[in-house]
PDB file of N, CA and C in Angstrom:
ATOM      1  N   MET A   1       0.849  -1.179   0.000  1.00  0.00           N
ATOM      2  CA  MET A   1       0.000   0.000   0.000  1.00  0.00           C
ATOM      3  C   MET A   1       0.895   1.243   0.000  1.00  0.00           C
ATOM      4  N   PRO A   2       0.643   2.219  -0.893  1.00  0.00           N
ATOM      5  CA  PRO A   2       1.499   3.402  -0.959  1.00  0.00           C
ATOM      6  C   PRO A   2       1.360   4.265   0.293  1.00  0.00           C
ATOM      7  N   LYS A   3       2.473   4.897   0.627  1.00  0.00           N
ATOM      8  CA  LYS A   3       2.487   5.784   1.796  1.00  0.00           C
ATOM      9  C   LYS A   3       1.761   7.087   1.463  1.00  0.00           C
ATOM     10  N   LYS A   4       0.884   7.520   2.357  1.00  0.00           N
ATOM     11  CA  LYS A   4       0.142   8.762   2.133  1.00  0.00           C
ATOM     12  C   LYS A   4       1.057   9.959   2.378  1.00  0.00           C
ATOM     13  N   THR A   5       0.953  10.932   1.495  1.00  0.00           N
ATOM     14  CA  THR A   5       1.737  12.155   1.675  1.00  0.00           C
ATOM     15  C   THR A   5       0.894  13.179   2.419  1.00  0.00           C
ATOM     16  N   LYS A   6       1.587  14.066   3.098  1.00  0.00           N
ATOM     17  CA  LYS A   6       0.890  15.117   3.833  1.00  0.00           C
ATOM     18  C   LYS A   6       0.339  16.135   2.854  1.00  0.00           C
ATOM     19  N   VAL A   7      -0.835  16.640   3.137  1.00  0.00           N
ATOM     20  CA  VAL A   7      -1.460  17.648   2.281  1.00  0.00           C
ATOM     21  C   VAL A   7      -1.871  18.845   3.122  1.00  0.00           C
ATOM     22  N   GLY A   8      -2.084  19.940   2.459  1.00  0.00           N
ATOM     23  CA  GLY A   8      -2.551  21.140   3.140  1.00  0.00           C
ATOM     24  C   GLY A   8      -1.575  21.624   4.189  1.00  0.00           C
ATOM     25  N   LYS A   9      -2.077  22.074   5.322  1.00  0.00           N
ATOM     26  CA  LYS A   9      -1.242  22.618   6.387  1.00  0.00           C
ATOM     27  C   LYS A   9      -0.368  21.569   7.054  1.00  0.00           C
ATOM     28  N   GLY A  10      -0.673  20.304   6.864  1.00  0.00           N
ATOM     29  CA  GLY A  10       0.120  19.237   7.443  1.00  0.00           C
ATOM     30  C   GLY A  10       1.524  19.137   6.866  1.00  0.00           C
ATOM     31  N   ARG A  11       1.732  19.673   5.654  1.00  0.00           N
ATOM     32  CA  ARG A  11       3.043  19.587   5.023  1.00  0.00           C
ATOM     33  C   ARG A  11       3.920  20.802   5.314  1.00  0.00           C
ATOM     34  N   LEU A  12       3.445  21.745   6.054  1.00  0.00           N
ATOM     35  CA  LEU A  12       4.204  22.949   6.360  1.00  0.00           C
ATOM     36  C   LEU A  12       5.276  22.643   7.401  1.00  0.00           C
ATOM     37  N   ASP A  13       6.486  23.131   7.137  1.00  0.00           N
ATOM     38  CA  ASP A  13       7.612  22.804   8.015  1.00  0.00           C
ATOM     39  C   ASP A  13       7.743  23.776   9.177  1.00  0.00           C
ATOM     40  N   LYS A  14       8.788  23.560   9.992  1.00  0.00           N
ATOM     41  CA  LYS A  14       8.975  24.370  11.197  1.00  0.00           C
ATOM     42  C   LYS A  14       9.240  25.835  10.875  1.00  0.00           C
ATOM     43  N   PHE A  15       9.886  26.121   9.728  1.00  0.00           N
ATOM     44  CA  PHE A  15      10.172  27.514   9.393  1.00  0.00           C
ATOM     45  C   PHE A  15       8.906  28.290   9.022  1.00  0.00           C
ATOM     46  N   TYR A  16       7.937  27.596   8.451  1.00  0.00           N
ATOM     47  CA  TYR A  16       6.643  28.228   8.181  1.00  0.00           C
ATOM     48  C   TYR A  16       6.021  28.698   9.497  1.00  0.00           C
ATOM     49  N   HIS A  17       6.012  27.823  10.471  1.00  0.00           N
ATOM     50  CA  HIS A  17       5.404  28.144  11.765  1.00  0.00           C
ATOM     51  C   HIS A  17       6.228  29.201  12.517  1.00  0.00           C
ATOM     52  N   LEU A  18       7.556  29.110  12.444  1.00  0.00           N
ATOM     53  CA  LEU A  18       8.415  30.125  13.066  1.00  0.00           C
ATOM     54  C   LEU A  18       8.180  31.499  12.446  1.00  0.00           C
ATOM     55  N   ALA A  19       8.037  31.531  11.120  1.00  0.00           N
ATOM     56  CA  ALA A  19       7.789  32.800  10.432  1.00  0.00           C
ATOM     57  C   ALA A  19       6.492  33.433  10.923  1.00  0.00           C
ATOM     58  N   LYS A  20       5.464  32.638  11.057  1.00  0.00           N
ATOM     59  CA  LYS A  20       4.178  33.157  11.535  1.00  0.00           C
ATOM     60  C   LYS A  20       4.296  33.645  12.974  1.00  0.00           C
ATOM     61  N   GLU A  21       5.009  32.898  13.814  1.00  0.00           N
ATOM     62  CA  GLU A  21       5.184  33.296  15.218  1.00  0.00           C
ATOM     63  C   GLU A  21       5.952  34.609  15.346  1.00  0.00           C
ATOM     64  N   GLN A  22       6.977  34.793  14.508  1.00  0.00           N
ATOM     65  CA  GLN A  22       7.829  35.971  14.606  1.00  0.00           C
ATOM     66  C   GLN A  22       7.349  37.130  13.742  1.00  0.00           C
ATOM     67  N   GLY A  23       6.234  36.945  13.050  1.00  0.00           N
ATOM     68  CA  GLY A  23       5.642  38.031  12.288  1.00  0.00           C
ATOM     69  C   GLY A  23       6.203  38.235  10.890  1.00  0.00           C
ATOM     70  N   PHE A  24       7.007  37.288  10.403  1.00  0.00           N
ATOM     71  CA  PHE A  24       7.513  37.395   9.036  1.00  0.00           C
ATOM     72  C   PHE A  24       6.449  36.938   8.053  1.00  0.00           C
ATOM     73  N   ARG A  25       6.450  37.548   6.885  1.00  0.00           N
ATOM     74  CA  ARG A  25       5.458  37.207   5.871  1.00  0.00           C
ATOM     75  C   ARG A  25       5.772  35.908   5.138  1.00  0.00           C
ATOM     76  N   ALA A  26       7.034  35.486   5.175  1.00  0.00           N
ATOM     77  CA  ALA A  26       7.422  34.264   4.464  1.00  0.00           C
ATOM     78  C   ALA A  26       8.541  33.550   5.217  1.00  0.00           C
ATOM     79  N   ARG A  27       8.583  32.249   5.064  1.00  0.00           N
ATOM     80  CA  ARG A  27       9.619  31.476   5.741  1.00  0.00           C
ATOM     81  C   ARG A  27      10.994  31.735   5.139  1.00  0.00           C
ATOM     82  N   SER A  28      11.029  32.254   3.916  1.00  0.00           N
ATOM     83  CA  SER A  28      12.318  32.566   3.283  1.00  0.00           C
ATOM     84  C   SER A  28      13.082  33.651   4.033  1.00  0.00           C
ATOM     85  N   ALA A  29      12.415  34.371   4.920  1.00  0.00           N
ATOM     86  CA  ALA A  29      13.089  35.390   5.730  1.00  0.00           C
ATOM     87  C   ALA A  29      14.231  34.774   6.533  1.00  0.00           C
ATOM     88  N   PHE A  30      14.088  33.513   6.907  1.00  0.00           N
ATOM     89  CA  PHE A  30      15.124  32.869   7.697  1.00  0.00           C
ATOM     90  C   PHE A  30      16.394  32.605   6.892  1.00  0.00           C
ATOM     91  N   LYS A  31      16.275  32.512   5.565  1.00  0.00           N
ATOM     92  CA  LYS A  31      17.475  32.406   4.721  1.00  0.00           C
ATOM     93  C   LYS A  31      18.324  33.659   4.888  1.00  0.00           C
ATOM     94  N   LEU A  32      17.663  34.818   4.815  1.00  0.00           N
ATOM     95  CA  LEU A  32      18.379  36.082   4.934  1.00  0.00           C
ATOM     96  C   LEU A  32      18.895  36.289   6.355  1.00  0.00           C
ATOM     97  N   VAL A  33      18.134  35.908   7.337  1.00  0.00           N
ATOM     98  CA  VAL A  33      18.580  36.007   8.734  1.00  0.00           C
ATOM     99  C   VAL A  33      19.856  35.183   8.923  1.00  0.00           C
ATOM    100  N   GLN A  34      19.857  33.973   8.384  1.00  0.00           N
ATOM    101  CA  GLN A  34      21.012  33.089   8.520  1.00  0.00           C
ATOM    102  C   GLN A  34      22.228  33.653   7.782  1.00  0.00           C
ATOM    103  N   LEU A  35      22.045  34.146   6.566  1.00  0.00           N
ATOM    104  CA  LEU A  35      23.155  34.749   5.815  1.00  0.00           C
ATOM    105  C   LEU A  35      23.711  35.976   6.529  1.00  0.00           C
ATOM    106  N   ASN A  36      22.814  36.801   7.052  1.00  0.00           N
ATOM    107  CA  ASN A  36      23.260  38.008   7.748  1.00  0.00           C
ATOM    108  C   ASN A  36      23.969  37.675   9.056  1.00  0.00           C
ATOM    109  N   ARG A  37      23.525  36.642   9.726  1.00  0.00           N
ATOM    110  CA  ARG A  37      24.187  36.213  10.961  1.00  0.00           C
ATOM    111  C   ARG A  37      25.636  35.805  10.670  1.00  0.00           C
ATOM    112  N   LYS A  38      25.842  35.164   9.530  1.00  0.00           N
ATOM    113  CA  LYS A  38      27.180  34.685   9.175  1.00  0.00           C
ATOM    114  C   LYS A  38      28.075  35.806   8.622  1.00  0.00           C
ATOM    115  N   TYR A  39      27.528  36.662   7.745  1.00  0.00           N
ATOM    116  CA  TYR A  39      28.353  37.651   7.041  1.00  0.00           C
ATOM    117  C   TYR A  39      28.176  39.099   7.502  1.00  0.00           C
ATOM    118  N   GLN A  40      27.158  39.380   8.299  1.00  0.00           N
ATOM    119  CA  GLN A  40      26.921  40.717   8.868  1.00  0.00           C
ATOM    120  C   GLN A  40      26.920  41.833   7.811  1.00  0.00           C
ATOM    121  N   PHE A  41      26.259  41.604   6.685  1.00  0.00           N
ATOM    122  CA  PHE A  41      26.282  42.592   5.612  1.00  0.00           C
ATOM    123  C   PHE A  41      25.171  43.638   5.701  1.00  0.00           C
ATOM    124  N   LEU A  42      24.187  43.434   6.564  1.00  0.00           N
ATOM    125  CA  LEU A  42      23.098  44.400   6.670  1.00  0.00           C
ATOM    126  C   LEU A  42      23.339  45.482   7.722  1.00  0.00           C
ATOM    127  N   LYS A  43      24.191  45.205   8.706  1.00  0.00           N
ATOM    128  CA  LYS A  43      24.311  46.138   9.826  1.00  0.00           C
ATOM    129  C   LYS A  43      24.857  47.506   9.431  1.00  0.00           C
ATOM    130  N   ASN A  44      25.665  47.584   8.373  1.00  0.00           N
ATOM    131  CA  ASN A  44      26.214  48.869   7.933  1.00  0.00           C
ATOM    132  C   ASN A  44      25.620  49.354   6.619  1.00  0.00           C
ATOM    133  N   ALA A  45      24.682  48.606   6.067  1.00  0.00           N
ATOM    134  CA  ALA A  45      24.067  48.982   4.791  1.00  0.00           C
ATOM    135  C   ALA A  45      23.091  50.135   4.994  1.00  0.00           C
ATOM    136  N   LYS A  46      23.150  51.081   4.105  1.00  0.00           N
ATOM    137  CA  LYS A  46      22.245  52.241   4.180  1.00  0.00           C
ATOM    138  C   LYS A  46      21.116  52.152   3.154  1.00  0.00           C
ATOM    139  N   CYS A  47      21.340  51.371   2.091  1.00  0.00           N
ATOM    140  CA  CYS A  47      20.337  51.263   1.025  1.00  0.00           C
ATOM    141  C   CYS A  47      20.295  49.832   0.503  1.00  0.00           C
ATOM    142  N   ALA A  48      19.107  49.254   0.483  1.00  0.00           N
ATOM    143  CA  ALA A  48      18.928  47.884  -0.007  1.00  0.00           C
ATOM    144  C   ALA A  48      17.805  47.845  -1.031  1.00  0.00           C
ATOM    145  N   ILE A  49      18.028  47.066  -2.078  1.00  0.00           N
ATOM    146  CA  ILE A  49      17.005  46.824  -3.090  1.00  0.00           C
ATOM    147  C   ILE A  49      16.711  45.334  -3.073  1.00  0.00           C
ATOM    148  N   ASP A  50      15.438  44.989  -2.938  1.00  0.00           N
ATOM    149  CA  ASP A  50      15.005  43.595  -2.929  1.00  0.00           C
ATOM    150  C   ASP A  50      14.202  43.351  -4.203  1.00  0.00           C
ATOM    151  N   LEU A  51      14.761  42.571  -5.117  1.00  0.00           N
ATOM    152  CA  LEU A  51      14.092  42.243  -6.372  1.00  0.00           C
ATOM    153  C   LEU A  51      13.277  40.977  -6.184  1.00  0.00           C
ATOM    154  N   CYS A  52      12.115  40.909  -6.804  1.00  0.00           N
ATOM    155  CA  CYS A  52      11.171  39.790  -6.634  1.00  0.00           C
ATOM    156  C   CYS A  52      10.829  39.677  -5.144  1.00  0.00           C
ATOM    157  N   ALA A  53      10.392  40.770  -4.574  1.00  0.00           N
ATOM    158  CA  ALA A  53      10.281  40.939  -3.129  1.00  0.00           C
ATOM    159  C   ALA A  53       9.006  40.400  -2.481  1.00  0.00           C
ATOM    160  N   ALA A  54       7.935  40.209  -3.247  1.00  0.00           N
ATOM    161  CA  ALA A  54       6.685  39.788  -2.621  1.00  0.00           C
ATOM    162  C   ALA A  54       6.859  38.427  -1.960  1.00  0.00           C
ATOM    163  N   PRO A  55       6.292  38.221  -0.811  1.00  0.00           N
ATOM    164  CA  PRO A  55       5.374  39.068  -0.055  1.00  0.00           C
ATOM    165  C   PRO A  55       6.043  40.110   0.845  1.00  0.00           C
ATOM    166  N   GLY A  56       7.358  40.124   0.925  1.00  0.00           N
ATOM    167  CA  GLY A  56       8.038  41.161   1.701  1.00  0.00           C
ATOM    168  C   GLY A  56       8.811  40.669   2.906  1.00  0.00           C
ATOM    169  N   GLY A  57       8.994  39.384   3.044  1.00  0.00           N
ATOM    170  CA  GLY A  57       9.713  38.831   4.198  1.00  0.00           C
ATOM    171  C   GLY A  57      11.142  39.338   4.309  1.00  0.00           C
ATOM    172  N   TRP A  58      11.842  39.437   3.168  1.00  0.00           N
ATOM    173  CA  TRP A  58      13.220  39.918   3.209  1.00  0.00           C
ATOM    174  C   TRP A  58      13.259  41.412   3.513  1.00  0.00           C
ATOM    175  N   MET A  59      12.267  42.140   3.066  1.00  0.00           N
ATOM    176  CA  MET A  59      12.188  43.570   3.404  1.00  0.00           C
ATOM    177  C   MET A  59      12.011  43.733   4.918  1.00  0.00           C
ATOM    178  N   GLN A  60      11.208  42.865   5.522  1.00  0.00           N
ATOM    179  CA  GLN A  60      11.019  42.911   6.971  1.00  0.00           C
ATOM    180  C   GLN A  60      12.335  42.660   7.706  1.00  0.00           C
ATOM    181  N   VAL A  61      13.133  41.717   7.218  1.00  0.00           N
ATOM    182  CA  VAL A  61      14.432  41.442   7.833  1.00  0.00           C
ATOM    183  C   VAL A  61      15.334  42.663   7.691  1.00  0.00           C
ATOM    184  N   CYS A  62      15.320  43.302   6.531  1.00  0.00           N
ATOM    185  CA  CYS A  62      16.131  44.507   6.309  1.00  0.00           C
ATOM    186  C   CYS A  62      15.760  45.611   7.296  1.00  0.00           C
ATOM    187  N   VAL A  63      14.476  45.830   7.488  1.00  0.00           N
ATOM    188  CA  VAL A  63      14.032  46.851   8.441  1.00  0.00           C
ATOM    189  C   VAL A  63      14.567  46.546   9.832  1.00  0.00           C
ATOM    190  N   LYS A  64      14.542  45.278  10.200  1.00  0.00           N
ATOM    191  CA  LYS A  64      14.968  44.855  11.530  1.00  0.00           C
ATOM    192  C   LYS A  64      16.486  44.948  11.706  1.00  0.00           C
ATOM    193  N   GLU A  65      17.257  44.612  10.666  1.00  0.00           N
ATOM    194  CA  GLU A  65      18.704  44.487  10.785  1.00  0.00           C
ATOM    195  C   GLU A  65      19.504  45.704  10.316  1.00  0.00           C
ATOM    196  N   MET A  66      18.935  46.526   9.459  1.00  0.00           N
ATOM    197  CA  MET A  66      19.671  47.685   8.936  1.00  0.00           C
ATOM    198  C   MET A  66      19.512  48.883   9.868  1.00  0.00           C
ATOM    199  N   PRO A  67      20.431  49.853   9.793  1.00  0.00           N
ATOM    200  CA  PRO A  67      20.314  51.040  10.640  1.00  0.00           C
ATOM    201  C   PRO A  67      19.021  51.805  10.372  1.00  0.00           C
ATOM    202  N   ALA A  68      18.572  52.537  11.375  1.00  0.00           N
ATOM    203  CA  ALA A  68      17.389  53.385  11.210  1.00  0.00           C
ATOM    204  C   ALA A  68      17.667  54.390  10.102  1.00  0.00           C
ATOM    205  N   LYS A  69      16.648  54.833   9.436  1.00  0.00           N
ATOM    206  CA  LYS A  69      16.730  55.812   8.340  1.00  0.00           C
ATOM    207  C   LYS A  69      17.355  55.230   7.074  1.00  0.00           C
ATOM    208  N   SER A  70      17.478  53.912   6.979  1.00  0.00           N
ATOM    209  CA  SER A  70      17.984  53.292   5.758  1.00  0.00           C
ATOM    210  C   SER A  70      16.890  53.302   4.700  1.00  0.00           C
ATOM    211  N   LEU A  71      17.303  53.249   3.449  1.00  0.00           N
ATOM    212  CA  LEU A  71      16.367  53.187   2.332  1.00  0.00           C
ATOM    213  C   LEU A  71      16.230  51.734   1.896  1.00  0.00           C
ATOM    214  N   ILE A  72      15.012  51.224   1.949  1.00  0.00           N
ATOM    215  CA  ILE A  72      14.735  49.835   1.569  1.00  0.00           C
ATOM    216  C   ILE A  72      13.635  49.854   0.521  1.00  0.00           C
ATOM    217  N   ILE A  73      13.958  49.317  -0.654  1.00  0.00           N
ATOM    218  CA  ILE A  73      13.007  49.304  -1.766  1.00  0.00           C
ATOM    219  C   ILE A  73      12.807  47.867  -2.216  1.00  0.00           C
ATOM    220  N   GLY A  74      11.553  47.453  -2.323  1.00  0.00           N
ATOM    221  CA  GLY A  74      11.212  46.130  -2.824  1.00  0.00           C
ATOM    222  C   GLY A  74      10.462  46.246  -4.134  1.00  0.00           C
ATOM    223  N   VAL A  75      10.803  45.385  -5.087  1.00  0.00           N
ATOM    224  CA  VAL A  75      10.167  45.403  -6.406  1.00  0.00           C
ATOM    225  C   VAL A  75       9.646  44.013  -6.723  1.00  0.00           C
ATOM    226  N   ASP A  76       8.415  43.942  -7.211  1.00  0.00           N
ATOM    227  CA  ASP A  76       7.846  42.661  -7.620  1.00  0.00           C
ATOM    228  C   ASP A  76       6.710  42.900  -8.604  1.00  0.00           C
ATOM    229  N   LEU A  77       6.405  41.890  -9.404  1.00  0.00           N
ATOM    230  CA  LEU A  77       5.245  41.965 -10.295  1.00  0.00           C
ATOM    231  C   LEU A  77       3.947  42.013  -9.502  1.00  0.00           C
ATOM    232  N   ASP A  78       3.930  41.321  -8.364  1.00  0.00           N
ATOM    233  CA  ASP A  78       2.754  41.316  -7.490  1.00  0.00           C
ATOM    234  C   ASP A  78       2.847  42.479  -6.509  1.00  0.00           C
ATOM    235  N   ALA A  79       1.699  42.954  -6.086  1.00  0.00           N
ATOM    236  CA  ALA A  79       1.673  44.035  -5.100  1.00  0.00           C
ATOM    237  C   ALA A  79       2.249  43.548  -3.771  1.00  0.00           C
ATOM    238  N   ILE A  80       2.988  44.427  -3.104  1.00  0.00           N
ATOM    239  CA  ILE A  80       3.571  44.125  -1.799  1.00  0.00           C
ATOM    240  C   ILE A  80       2.807  44.951  -0.771  1.00  0.00           C
ATOM    241  N   LYS A  81       2.209  44.283   0.206  1.00  0.00           N
ATOM    242  CA  LYS A  81       1.501  45.027   1.251  1.00  0.00           C
ATOM    243  C   LYS A  81       2.492  45.955   1.948  1.00  0.00           C
ATOM    244  N   PRO A  82       2.055  47.161   2.310  1.00  0.00           N
ATOM    245  CA  PRO A  82       2.980  48.138   2.904  1.00  0.00           C
ATOM    246  C   PRO A  82       3.705  47.615   4.142  1.00  0.00           C
ATOM    247  N   ILE A  83       4.987  47.977   4.228  1.00  0.00           N
ATOM    248  CA  ILE A  83       5.835  47.669   5.366  1.00  0.00           C
ATOM    249  C   ILE A  83       6.422  48.993   5.833  1.00  0.00           C
ATOM    250  N   LYS A  84       6.273  49.284   7.109  1.00  0.00           N
ATOM    251  CA  LYS A  84       6.767  50.548   7.645  1.00  0.00           C
ATOM    252  C   LYS A  84       8.283  50.643   7.430  1.00  0.00           C
ATOM    253  N   GLY A  85       8.712  51.745   6.830  1.00  0.00           N
ATOM    254  CA  GLY A  85      10.132  51.970   6.574  1.00  0.00           C
ATOM    255  C   GLY A  85      10.606  51.454   5.232  1.00  0.00           C
ATOM    256  N   CYS A  86       9.679  50.972   4.402  1.00  0.00           N
ATOM    257  CA  CYS A  86      10.048  50.413   3.092  1.00  0.00           C
ATOM    258  C   CYS A  86       9.201  51.040   1.987  1.00  0.00           C
ATOM    259  N   ILE A  87       9.750  50.982   0.788  1.00  0.00           N
ATOM    260  CA  ILE A  87       9.018  51.399  -0.400  1.00  0.00           C
ATOM    261  C   ILE A  87       8.782  50.152  -1.234  1.00  0.00           C
ATOM    262  N   GLY A  88       7.546  49.884  -1.575  1.00  0.00           N
ATOM    263  CA  GLY A  88       7.211  48.736  -2.407  1.00  0.00           C
ATOM    264  C   GLY A  88       6.779  49.192  -3.786  1.00  0.00           C
ATOM    265  N   LEU A  89       7.393  48.635  -4.819  1.00  0.00           N
ATOM    266  CA  LEU A  89       7.058  48.976  -6.193  1.00  0.00           C
ATOM    267  C   LEU A  89       6.496  47.756  -6.901  1.00  0.00           C
ATOM    268  N   GLN A  90       5.409  47.958  -7.624  1.00  0.00           N
ATOM    269  CA  GLN A  90       4.838  46.875  -8.424  1.00  0.00           C
ATOM    270  C   GLN A  90       5.279  47.112  -9.863  1.00  0.00           C
ATOM    271  N   GLU A  91       6.382  46.477 -10.229  1.00  0.00           N
ATOM    272  CA  GLU A  91       6.998  46.677 -11.535  1.00  0.00           C
ATOM    273  C   GLU A  91       7.596  45.360 -12.028  1.00  0.00           C
ATOM    274  N   ASP A  92       7.914  45.321 -13.310  1.00  0.00           N
ATOM    275  CA  ASP A  92       8.655  44.213 -13.906  1.00  0.00           C
ATOM    276  C   ASP A  92      10.133  44.594 -13.867  1.00  0.00           C
ATOM    277  N   ILE A  93      10.953  43.815 -13.177  1.00  0.00           N
ATOM    278  CA  ILE A  93      12.363  44.184 -12.967  1.00  0.00           C
ATOM    279  C   ILE A  93      13.173  44.204 -14.258  1.00  0.00           C
ATOM    280  N   THR A  94      12.624  43.682 -15.345  1.00  0.00           N
ATOM    281  CA  THR A  94      13.367  43.642 -16.613  1.00  0.00           C
ATOM    282  C   THR A  94      13.127  44.868 -17.483  1.00  0.00           C
ATOM    283  N   THR A  95      12.311  45.807 -17.027  1.00  0.00           N
ATOM    284  CA  THR A  95      11.951  46.943 -17.875  1.00  0.00           C
ATOM    285  C   THR A  95      12.708  48.218 -17.512  1.00  0.00           C
ATOM    286  N   GLU A  96      12.788  49.094 -18.478  1.00  0.00           N
ATOM    287  CA  GLU A  96      13.407  50.404 -18.260  1.00  0.00           C
ATOM    288  C   GLU A  96      12.544  51.238 -17.307  1.00  0.00           C
ATOM    289  N   LYS A  97      11.233  51.056 -17.350  1.00  0.00           N
ATOM    290  CA  LYS A  97      10.336  51.780 -16.446  1.00  0.00           C
ATOM    291  C   LYS A  97      10.684  51.486 -14.988  1.00  0.00           C
ATOM    292  N   CYS A  98      11.006  50.236 -14.689  1.00  0.00           N
ATOM    293  CA  CYS A  98      11.385  49.842 -13.330  1.00  0.00           C
ATOM    294  C   CYS A  98      12.694  50.515 -12.930  1.00  0.00           C
ATOM    295  N   ARG A  99      13.673  50.481 -13.818  1.00  0.00           N
ATOM    296  CA  ARG A  99      14.964  51.115 -13.519  1.00  0.00           C
ATOM    297  C   ARG A  99      14.795  52.613 -13.280  1.00  0.00           C
ATOM    298  N   ALA A 100      13.949  53.245 -14.076  1.00  0.00           N
ATOM    299  CA  ALA A 100      13.689  54.679 -13.902  1.00  0.00           C
ATOM    300  C   ALA A 100      13.012  54.946 -12.564  1.00  0.00           C
ATOM    301  N   SER A 101      12.071  54.094 -12.201  1.00  0.00           N
ATOM    302  CA  SER A 101      11.378  54.233 -10.921  1.00  0.00           C
ATOM    303  C   SER A 101      12.351  54.065  -9.752  1.00  0.00           C
ATOM    304  N   LEU A 102      13.253  53.085  -9.859  1.00  0.00           N
ATOM    305  CA  LEU A 102      14.274  52.897  -8.814  1.00  0.00           C
ATOM    306  C   LEU A 102      15.166  54.129  -8.711  1.00  0.00           C
ATOM    307  N   ARG A 103      15.607  54.660  -9.854  1.00  0.00           N
ATOM    308  CA  ARG A 103      16.463  55.858  -9.840  1.00  0.00           C
ATOM    309  C   ARG A 103      15.744  57.027  -9.174  1.00  0.00           C
ATOM    310  N   THR A 104      14.455  57.168  -9.451  1.00  0.00           N
ATOM    311  CA  THR A 104      13.670  58.253  -8.862  1.00  0.00           C
ATOM    312  C   THR A 104      13.618  58.121  -7.343  1.00  0.00           C
ATOM    313  N   HIS A 105      13.309  56.939  -6.858  1.00  0.00           N
ATOM    314  CA  HIS A 105      13.195  56.721  -5.411  1.00  0.00           C
ATOM    315  C   HIS A 105      14.550  56.787  -4.705  1.00  0.00           C
ATOM    316  N   MET A 106      15.584  56.358  -5.400  1.00  0.00           N
ATOM    317  CA  MET A 106      16.915  56.354  -4.782  1.00  0.00           C
ATOM    318  C   MET A 106      17.557  57.739  -4.796  1.00  0.00           C
ATOM    319  N   ALA A 107      17.187  58.590  -5.734  1.00  0.00           N
ATOM    320  CA  ALA A 107      17.761  59.939  -5.866  1.00  0.00           C
ATOM    321  C   ALA A 107      19.288  59.857  -5.846  1.00  0.00           C
ATOM    322  N   THR A 108      19.926  60.281  -4.768  1.00  0.00           N
ATOM    323  CA  THR A 108      21.391  60.272  -4.699  1.00  0.00           C
ATOM    324  C   THR A 108      21.944  59.056  -3.949  1.00  0.00           C
ATOM    325  N   TRP A 109      21.074  58.197  -3.447  1.00  0.00           N
ATOM    326  CA  TRP A 109      21.515  57.002  -2.721  1.00  0.00           C
ATOM    327  C   TRP A 109      22.173  56.017  -3.677  1.00  0.00           C
ATOM    328  N   LYS A 110      23.105  55.256  -3.173  1.00  0.00           N
ATOM    329  CA  LYS A 110      23.721  54.147  -3.900  1.00  0.00           C
ATOM    330  C   LYS A 110      23.379  52.868  -3.142  1.00  0.00           C
ATOM    331  N   ALA A 111      23.038  51.815  -3.873  1.00  0.00           N
ATOM    332  CA  ALA A 111      22.657  50.552  -3.231  1.00  0.00           C
ATOM    333  C   ALA A 111      23.873  49.866  -2.614  1.00  0.00           C
ATOM    334  N   ASP A 112      23.787  49.554  -1.342  1.00  0.00           N
ATOM    335  CA  ASP A 112      24.818  48.781  -0.650  1.00  0.00           C
ATOM    336  C   ASP A 112      24.549  47.286  -0.787  1.00  0.00           C
ATOM    337  N   VAL A 113      23.259  46.940  -0.866  1.00  0.00           N
ATOM    338  CA  VAL A 113      22.859  45.528  -0.929  1.00  0.00           C
ATOM    339  C   VAL A 113      21.755  45.383  -1.972  1.00  0.00           C
ATOM    340  N   VAL A 114      21.910  44.391  -2.844  1.00  0.00           N
ATOM    341  CA  VAL A 114      20.846  44.027  -3.780  1.00  0.00           C
ATOM    342  C   VAL A 114      20.510  42.565  -3.508  1.00  0.00           C
ATOM    343  N   LEU A 115      19.259  42.317  -3.156  1.00  0.00           N
ATOM    344  CA  LEU A 115      18.790  40.969  -2.829  1.00  0.00           C
ATOM    345  C   LEU A 115      17.896  40.464  -3.953  1.00  0.00           C
ATOM    346  N   HIS A 116      17.999  39.169  -4.241  1.00  0.00           N
ATOM    347  CA  HIS A 116      17.149  38.588  -5.278  1.00  0.00           C
ATOM    348  C   HIS A 116      16.966  37.108  -4.975  1.00  0.00           C
ATOM    349  N   ASP A 117      15.747  36.694  -4.820  1.00  0.00           N
ATOM    350  CA  ASP A 117      15.441  35.296  -4.540  1.00  0.00           C
ATOM    351  C   ASP A 117      14.358  34.810  -5.496  1.00  0.00           C
ATOM    352  N   GLY A 118      14.341  35.388  -6.684  1.00  0.00           N
ATOM    353  CA  GLY A 118      13.298  35.056  -7.640  1.00  0.00           C
ATOM    354  C   GLY A 118      13.731  33.961  -8.598  1.00  0.00           C
ATOM    355  N   ALA A 119      12.762  33.430  -9.287  1.00  0.00           N
ATOM    356  CA  ALA A 119      12.994  32.433 -10.326  1.00  0.00           C
ATOM    357  C   ALA A 119      11.975  32.697 -11.431  1.00  0.00           C
ATOM    358  N   PRO A 120      12.300  32.321 -12.649  1.00  0.00           N
ATOM    359  CA  PRO A 120      11.337  32.554 -13.731  1.00  0.00           C
ATOM    360  C   PRO A 120      10.067  31.738 -13.519  1.00  0.00           C
ATOM    361  N   ASN A 121       8.968  32.299 -13.943  1.00  0.00           N
ATOM    362  CA  ASN A 121       7.687  31.619 -13.832  1.00  0.00           C
ATOM    363  C   ASN A 121       7.515  30.756 -15.081  1.00  0.00           C
ATOM    364  N   VAL A 122       7.961  29.508 -15.017  1.00  0.00           N
ATOM    365  CA  VAL A 122       7.940  28.658 -16.176  1.00  0.00           C
ATOM    366  C   VAL A 122       6.718  27.750 -16.238  1.00  0.00           C
ATOM    367  N   GLY A 123       6.034  27.587 -15.151  1.00  0.00           N
ATOM    368  CA  GLY A 123       4.835  26.763 -15.137  1.00  0.00           C
ATOM    369  C   GLY A 123       5.098  25.342 -15.583  1.00  0.00           C
ATOM    370  N   GLY A 124       4.173  24.753 -16.304  1.00  0.00           N
ATOM    371  CA  GLY A 124       4.315  23.371 -16.747  1.00  0.00           C
ATOM    372  C   GLY A 124       5.080  23.218 -18.054  1.00  0.00           C
ATOM    373  N   ALA A 125       5.468  24.332 -18.685  1.00  0.00           N
ATOM    374  CA  ALA A 125       6.144  24.281 -19.978  1.00  0.00           C
ATOM    375  C   ALA A 125       7.631  23.994 -19.870  1.00  0.00           C
ATOM    376  N   TRP A 126       8.177  24.033 -18.671  1.00  0.00           N
ATOM    377  CA  TRP A 126       9.615  23.830 -18.502  1.00  0.00           C
ATOM    378  C   TRP A 126       9.953  22.357 -18.498  1.00  0.00           C
ATOM    379  N   ALA A 127      10.956  21.988 -19.247  1.00  0.00           N
ATOM    380  CA  ALA A 127      11.336  20.568 -19.266  1.00  0.00           C
ATOM    381  C   ALA A 127      12.829  20.410 -19.312  1.00  0.00           C
TER     382      ALA A 127
END
């Protein structure tokens, strides 16, 4: 008899539950927490750009770990619910319009950190 696989909420791992307990929007926030713990690259960063940012978990980590008054911008095709201390842009990162929008928001700032955890949306056509 085949072994039954977990479905629905039963298949969610410990990081899913930890993310919900700690108020992160996604469990992927722990990837950034772990990287920052090892390399300490956020503590002195003044400007961060998060590409493919929805739902905003990495932006939340940036707010928590970066100095106050830092500029944090998240860009995604999907809308990002507002996060205090962050700017969320609903844009396609491959377009000139997105680059222009980033330049406008950044003004004279230079990015210290660029984060990207996206993958192409290939659906069932990828082989």
